[in-house]
Amino acid sequence: MLTEEEERILKLMVAEITARTKLNNVNQTMGEAIRAQFSSIDAAIRAQYKPIYEPLQIDVKTAQDNLKKEFE
């Protein structure tokens, strides 16, 4: 049998655990929503800049290959 104080402490502990669990669930949902939005924004920006950065990537690769050939 529990004393009144022990029962009160257990109820407070249960309340804290319940609140923490609810908060964790909300944080997880928010995190998933943020990651989904980030993915959409990332894809849109990459598509916007693709015509600019792809040719530059090719230029960098070509320059690296040419430099490498010099030392072979």
C-alpha atoms as a PDB file:
ATOM      1  CA  MET A   1       0.000   0.000   0.000  1.00  0.00           C
ATOM      2  CA  LEU A   2       1.289   3.436  -0.919  1.00  0.00           C
ATOM      3  CA  THR A   3       1.335   6.448   1.309  1.00  0.00           C
ATOM      4  CA  GLU A   4      -0.457   9.597   0.162  1.00  0.00           C
ATOM      5  CA  GLU A   5       2.902  11.230  -0.541  1.00  0.00           C
ATOM      6  CA  GLU A   6       4.110   8.263  -2.635  1.00  0.00           C
ATOM      7  CA  GLU A   7       0.844   8.239  -4.563  1.00  0.00           C
ATOM      8  CA  ARG A   8       1.080  12.011  -5.162  1.00  0.00           C
ATOM      9  CA  ILE A   9       4.694  11.627  -6.369  1.00  0.00           C
ATOM     10  CA  LEU A  10       3.752   8.793  -8.716  1.00  0.00           C
ATOM     11  CA  LYS A  11       0.894  10.843 -10.179  1.00  0.00           C
ATOM     12  CA  LEU A  12       3.277  13.760 -10.737  1.00  0.00           C
ATOM     13  CA  MET A  13       5.793  11.450 -12.401  1.00  0.00           C
ATOM     14  CA  VAL A  14       3.087  10.023 -14.668  1.00  0.00           C
ATOM     15  CA  ALA A  15       1.968  13.551 -15.585  1.00  0.00           C
ATOM     16  CA  GLU A  16       5.557  14.524 -16.439  1.00  0.00           C
ATOM     17  CA  ILE A  17       6.118  11.407 -18.555  1.00  0.00           C
ATOM     18  CA  THR A  18       2.808  11.914 -20.359  1.00  0.00           C
ATOM     19  CA  ALA A  19       3.592  15.567 -21.090  1.00  0.00           C
ATOM     20  CA  ARG A  20       7.115  14.694 -22.286  1.00  0.00           C
ATOM     21  CA  THR A  21       5.740  11.969 -24.576  1.00  0.00           C
ATOM     22  CA  LYS A  22       3.217  14.380 -26.102  1.00  0.00           C
ATOM     23  CA  LEU A  23       5.948  16.994 -26.591  1.00  0.00           C
ATOM     24  CA  ASN A  24       8.231  14.433 -28.244  1.00  0.00           C
ATOM     25  CA  ASN A  25       5.436  13.446 -30.625  1.00  0.00           C
ATOM     26  CA  VAL A  26       4.818  17.078 -31.594  1.00  0.00           C
ATOM     27  CA  ASN A  27       8.556  17.695 -32.044  1.00  0.00           C
ATOM     28  CA  GLN A  28       8.835  14.640 -34.272  1.00  0.00           C
ATOM     29  CA  THR A  29       5.885  15.770 -36.392  1.00  0.00           C
ATOM     30  CA  MET A  30       7.357  19.272 -36.707  1.00  0.00           C
ATOM     31  CA  GLY A  31      10.743  17.832 -37.670  1.00  0.00           C
ATOM     32  CA  GLU A  32       9.179  15.712 -40.402  1.00  0.00           C
ATOM     33  CA  ALA A  33       7.254  18.725 -41.721  1.00  0.00           C
ATOM     34  CA  ILE A  34      10.401  20.864 -41.716  1.00  0.00           C
ATOM     35  CA  ARG A  35      12.397  18.189 -43.553  1.00  0.00           C
ATOM     36  CA  ALA A  36       9.633  17.837 -46.154  1.00  0.00           C
ATOM     37  CA  GLN A  37       9.562  21.602 -46.725  1.00  0.00           C
ATOM     38  CA  PHE A  38      13.340  21.740 -46.872  1.00  0.00           C
ATOM     39  CA  SER A  39      13.389  18.991 -49.500  1.00  0.00           C
ATOM     40  CA  SER A  40      10.911  20.910 -51.633  1.00  0.00           C
ATOM     41  CA  ILE A  41      12.849  24.158 -51.297  1.00  0.00           C
ATOM     42  CA  ASP A  42      16.151  22.378 -51.981  1.00  0.00           C
ATOM     43  CA  ALA A  43      14.772  20.739 -55.133  1.00  0.00           C
ATOM     44  CA  ALA A  44      13.354  24.039 -56.420  1.00  0.00           C
ATOM     45  CA  ILE A  45      16.608  25.930 -55.849  1.00  0.00           C
ATOM     46  CA  ARG A  46      18.713  23.166 -57.403  1.00  0.00           C
ATOM     47  CA  ALA A  47      16.447  23.128 -60.472  1.00  0.00           C
ATOM     48  CA  GLN A  48      16.728  26.912 -60.732  1.00  0.00           C
ATOM     49  CA  TYR A  49      20.533  26.881 -60.585  1.00  0.00           C
ATOM     50  CA  LYS A  50      21.102  23.653 -62.548  1.00  0.00           C
ATOM     51  CA  PRO A  51      21.778  25.444 -65.867  1.00  0.00           C
ATOM     52  CA  ILE A  52      24.428  27.516 -64.100  1.00  0.00           C
ATOM     53  CA  TYR A  53      26.207  24.977 -61.935  1.00  0.00           C
ATOM     54  CA  GLU A  54      26.246  21.943 -64.254  1.00  0.00           C
ATOM     55  CA  PRO A  55      28.427  23.600 -66.916  1.00  0.00           C
ATOM     56  CA  LEU A  56      30.700  24.889 -64.148  1.00  0.00           C
ATOM     57  CA  GLN A  57      31.014  21.388 -62.732  1.00  0.00           C
ATOM     58  CA  ILE A  58      32.013  20.163 -66.179  1.00  0.00           C
ATOM     59  CA  ASP A  59      34.584  22.980 -66.457  1.00  0.00           C
ATOM     60  CA  VAL A  60      36.073  22.041 -63.080  1.00  0.00           C
ATOM     61  CA  LYS A  61      36.219  18.348 -64.007  1.00  0.00           C
ATOM     62  CA  THR A  62      37.829  19.139 -67.369  1.00  0.00           C
ATOM     63  CA  ALA A  63      40.428  21.384 -65.717  1.00  0.00           C
ATOM     64  CA  GLN A  64      41.195  18.697 -63.124  1.00  0.00           C
ATOM     65  CA  ASP A  65      41.539  16.051 -65.838  1.00  0.00           C
ATOM     66  CA  ASN A  66      43.833  18.286 -67.902  1.00  0.00           C
ATOM     67  CA  LEU A  67      45.993  19.026 -64.874  1.00  0.00           C
ATOM     68  CA  LYS A  68      46.175  15.343 -64.019  1.00  0.00           C
ATOM     69  CA  LYS A  69      47.302  14.542 -67.579  1.00  0.00           C
ATOM     70  CA  GLU A  70      50.152  17.032 -67.214  1.00  0.00           C
ATOM     71  CA  PHE A  71      51.603  15.027 -64.360  1.00  0.00           C
ATOM     72  CA  GLU A  72      51.246  11.575 -65.916  1.00  0.00           C
END
